[in-house]
Each structure stands twice: as C-alpha cells, then as structure tokens.
C-alpha cells in the first residue's frame, strides 16, 4: 500500500511539472485555466490570436487522439469538433484551431474564437473514455 501512495505522489508531481503549471513566458494572450482527465492538454497563443494551438500528451507520452472538441463554457455552446473515423486515433498534437488534419472530419465548424470568453478544449482517445481537458481564455 505504501508503494502505491509513493507512485501516486510521483505521478501527481510529474503531471504538475509537465502540464498543470503555466509558464508566463510562453503565452502572452492565452490564460490557461482548469484541467481534467488523464491527458495533459495545453493551449498556446495562435496567429491570429483567435486560432490558438492545442497540444496534448497522455501519461505514456502518446500524442495521438480520436477527437478534439472546443466549446464555449458559459453558455455551454459547441464551437469546433474534429474526429477520426471509427475510433481510430488520427489526430496528432499539435492542432491549430479550426485547421483539420488528414484522416479526420470536422463535425462542428465555428470558426475563430473571441477574446474575453472562456472556452474548454477536450481531447479524447479511441476508447472514448480516456480524455483530457483544459479551460482557456484569449486575452486581447
């Protein structure tokens, strides 16, 4: 039991050092907020600002995914979703907002994001159970 506790502490420490903290030198216009799930997700400044860059990595270092969904948090509104066929993992990190990759299909097209609105990006693996999310705000 004690070794399980130690492993959990190590994993949480690693997750914090890799994905949960925010380096203020990286993003000038994106504020990263809450996270969820077991996939580490980051949102970085885009060019233009309303097209941020989404990156992710699962705990085994894999950077592929089945789907990527962006939604406005309040009110909960779908903005953009891209999926791979038949639960394959054709999406590879990084992804630029609203720019599809080969072997994927856009199911919701909402175009550019707006500043001063909180959004959530959700990355899902092919088992449809494993996911990671990150809330973010684009500052003017």
Protein backbone atom coordinates (compact mmCIF):
# COMPACT_ATOMS: atom_id res chain seq x y z
CA UNK A 1 0.00 0.00 0.00
CA UNK A 2 2.77 2.41 0.86
CA UNK A 3 4.43 1.98 -2.55
CA UNK A 4 1.11 2.83 -4.26
CA UNK A 5 0.98 6.06 -2.29
CA UNK A 6 4.54 6.89 -3.36
CA UNK A 7 3.74 6.16 -7.01
CA UNK A 8 0.66 8.40 -6.84
CA UNK A 9 2.75 11.24 -5.38
CA UNK A 10 5.35 10.82 -8.14
CA UNK A 11 2.69 10.82 -10.88
CA UNK A 12 0.98 13.91 -9.47
CA UNK A 13 4.32 15.70 -9.17
CA UNK A 14 5.19 14.79 -12.74
CA UNK A 15 1.79 15.94 -14.00
CA UNK A 16 2.22 19.28 -12.26
CA UNK A 17 5.72 19.83 -13.59
CA UNK A 18 4.77 18.79 -17.13
CA UNK A 19 1.28 20.10 -17.60
CA UNK A 20 -0.57 21.87 -14.87
CA UNK A 21 1.56 24.92 -14.26
CA UNK A 22 1.59 27.89 -16.63
CA UNK A 23 4.81 29.41 -17.89
CA UNK A 24 4.09 33.12 -18.24
CA UNK A 25 6.85 33.41 -20.84
CA UNK A 26 5.06 31.09 -23.27
CA UNK A 27 1.59 32.63 -23.58
CA UNK A 28 1.11 36.35 -23.89
CA UNK A 29 -2.58 36.18 -24.83
CA UNK A 30 -3.87 32.82 -23.61
CA UNK A 31 -4.70 32.25 -19.96
CA UNK A 32 -4.87 28.57 -19.11
CA UNK A 33 -7.42 27.52 -16.50
CA UNK A 34 -8.77 24.31 -15.00
CA UNK A 35 -7.83 20.86 -16.30
CA UNK A 36 -9.45 17.45 -16.17
CA UNK A 37 -8.83 13.84 -17.16
CA UNK A 38 -5.60 11.93 -17.62
CA UNK A 39 -4.31 13.56 -20.83
CA UNK A 40 -2.19 16.69 -20.31
CA UNK A 41 -3.55 19.48 -22.53
CA UNK A 42 -2.11 22.94 -23.24
CA UNK A 43 -3.37 25.90 -25.21
CA UNK A 44 -0.84 28.33 -26.68
CA UNK A 45 -1.05 31.65 -28.49
CA UNK A 46 -2.03 31.40 -32.12
CA UNK A 47 -1.50 33.63 -35.12
CA UNK A 48 -4.02 35.21 -35.27
CA UNK A 49 -4.81 35.13 -31.54
CA UNK A 50 -8.27 33.67 -32.21
CA UNK A 51 -6.70 30.50 -33.62
CA UNK A 52 -4.80 29.05 -30.64
CA UNK A 53 -2.62 25.94 -30.80
CA UNK A 54 -3.70 22.83 -28.86
CA UNK A 55 -1.08 20.33 -27.68
CA UNK A 56 -1.51 17.18 -25.62
CA UNK A 57 0.22 14.08 -24.35
CA UNK A 58 -1.11 11.09 -22.42
CA UNK A 59 0.78 9.58 -19.47
CA UNK A 60 2.61 7.15 -21.76
CA UNK A 61 3.86 10.01 -23.96
CA UNK A 62 1.43 9.33 -26.82
CA UNK A 63 0.39 12.44 -28.77
CA UNK A 64 -2.46 10.97 -30.85
CA UNK A 65 -6.20 11.23 -30.24
CA UNK A 66 -9.60 10.26 -31.59
CA UNK A 67 -11.27 13.65 -31.21
CA UNK A 68 -10.73 17.28 -30.28
CA UNK A 69 -13.70 19.36 -29.17
CA UNK A 70 -13.81 23.06 -28.32
CA UNK A 71 -16.81 24.54 -26.57
CA UNK A 72 -17.71 27.87 -25.04
CA UNK A 73 -18.19 27.26 -21.30
CA UNK A 74 -20.99 29.75 -20.46
CA UNK A 75 -23.42 29.23 -22.01
CA UNK A 76 -22.28 25.74 -22.98
CA UNK A 77 -22.03 26.02 -26.77
CA UNK A 78 -20.16 23.77 -29.24
CA UNK A 79 -17.63 25.70 -31.29
CA UNK A 80 -15.47 23.21 -33.21
CA UNK A 81 -15.03 19.45 -33.18
CA UNK A 82 -12.85 17.23 -35.29
CA UNK A 83 -12.93 13.41 -35.13
CA UNK A 84 -11.14 10.41 -36.57
CA UNK A 85 -13.18 7.65 -38.26
CA UNK A 86 -14.21 4.50 -36.36
CA UNK A 87 -12.50 5.44 -33.08
CA UNK A 88 -9.07 5.49 -34.72
CA UNK A 89 -6.53 7.96 -33.35
CA UNK A 90 -5.67 10.01 -36.45
CA UNK A 91 -5.28 13.38 -34.72
CA UNK A 92 -1.72 14.24 -33.78
CA UNK A 93 -0.57 17.00 -31.47
CA UNK A 94 -0.30 19.94 -32.11
CA UNK A 95 -3.52 21.15 -33.77
CA UNK A 96 -4.28 24.73 -34.80
CA UNK A 97 -7.86 25.80 -34.02
CA UNK A 98 -10.24 25.13 -36.95
CA UNK A 99 -7.50 23.58 -39.13
CA UNK A 100 -8.29 19.94 -39.96
CA UNK A 101 -5.71 17.19 -40.32
CA UNK A 102 -5.70 14.46 -42.97
CA UNK A 103 -7.81 11.45 -41.96
CA UNK A 104 -10.18 13.49 -39.77
CA UNK A 105 -13.60 15.11 -40.21
CA UNK A 106 -14.94 18.38 -38.82
CA UNK A 107 -18.32 17.77 -37.21
CA UNK A 108 -18.83 21.30 -35.85
CA UNK A 109 -17.37 24.34 -37.53
CA UNK A 110 -17.50 27.53 -35.54
CA UNK A 111 -14.56 29.42 -36.97
CA UNK A 112 -12.46 31.80 -34.94
CA UNK A 113 -12.76 32.21 -31.20
CA UNK A 114 -13.39 35.54 -29.50
CA UNK A 115 -11.36 37.31 -26.85
CA UNK A 116 -12.56 37.57 -23.22
CA UNK A 117 -14.66 34.37 -23.40
CA UNK A 118 -13.79 31.16 -21.53
CA UNK A 119 -13.56 28.02 -23.66
CA UNK A 120 -12.78 24.36 -22.95
CA UNK A 121 -10.83 22.05 -25.24
CA UNK A 122 -11.37 18.30 -24.72
CA UNK A 123 -9.10 15.63 -26.20
CA UNK A 124 -10.49 12.06 -26.32
CA UNK A 125 -8.66 8.79 -27.04
CA UNK A 126 -10.04 5.99 -29.22
CA UNK A 127 -11.59 4.15 -26.28
CA UNK A 128 -13.93 7.17 -25.87
CA UNK A 129 -13.31 7.01 -22.11
CA UNK A 130 -9.79 8.42 -21.74
CA UNK A 131 -9.73 12.19 -22.09
CA UNK A 132 -8.05 15.40 -21.03
CA UNK A 133 -9.36 18.95 -20.94
CA UNK A 134 -8.14 22.49 -20.42
CA UNK A 135 -10.15 25.68 -19.91
CA UNK A 136 -8.71 28.78 -21.54
CA UNK A 137 -9.32 32.45 -22.18
CA UNK A 138 -7.91 34.51 -25.04
CA UNK A 139 -6.91 37.94 -23.77
CA UNK A 140 -6.81 40.93 -26.17
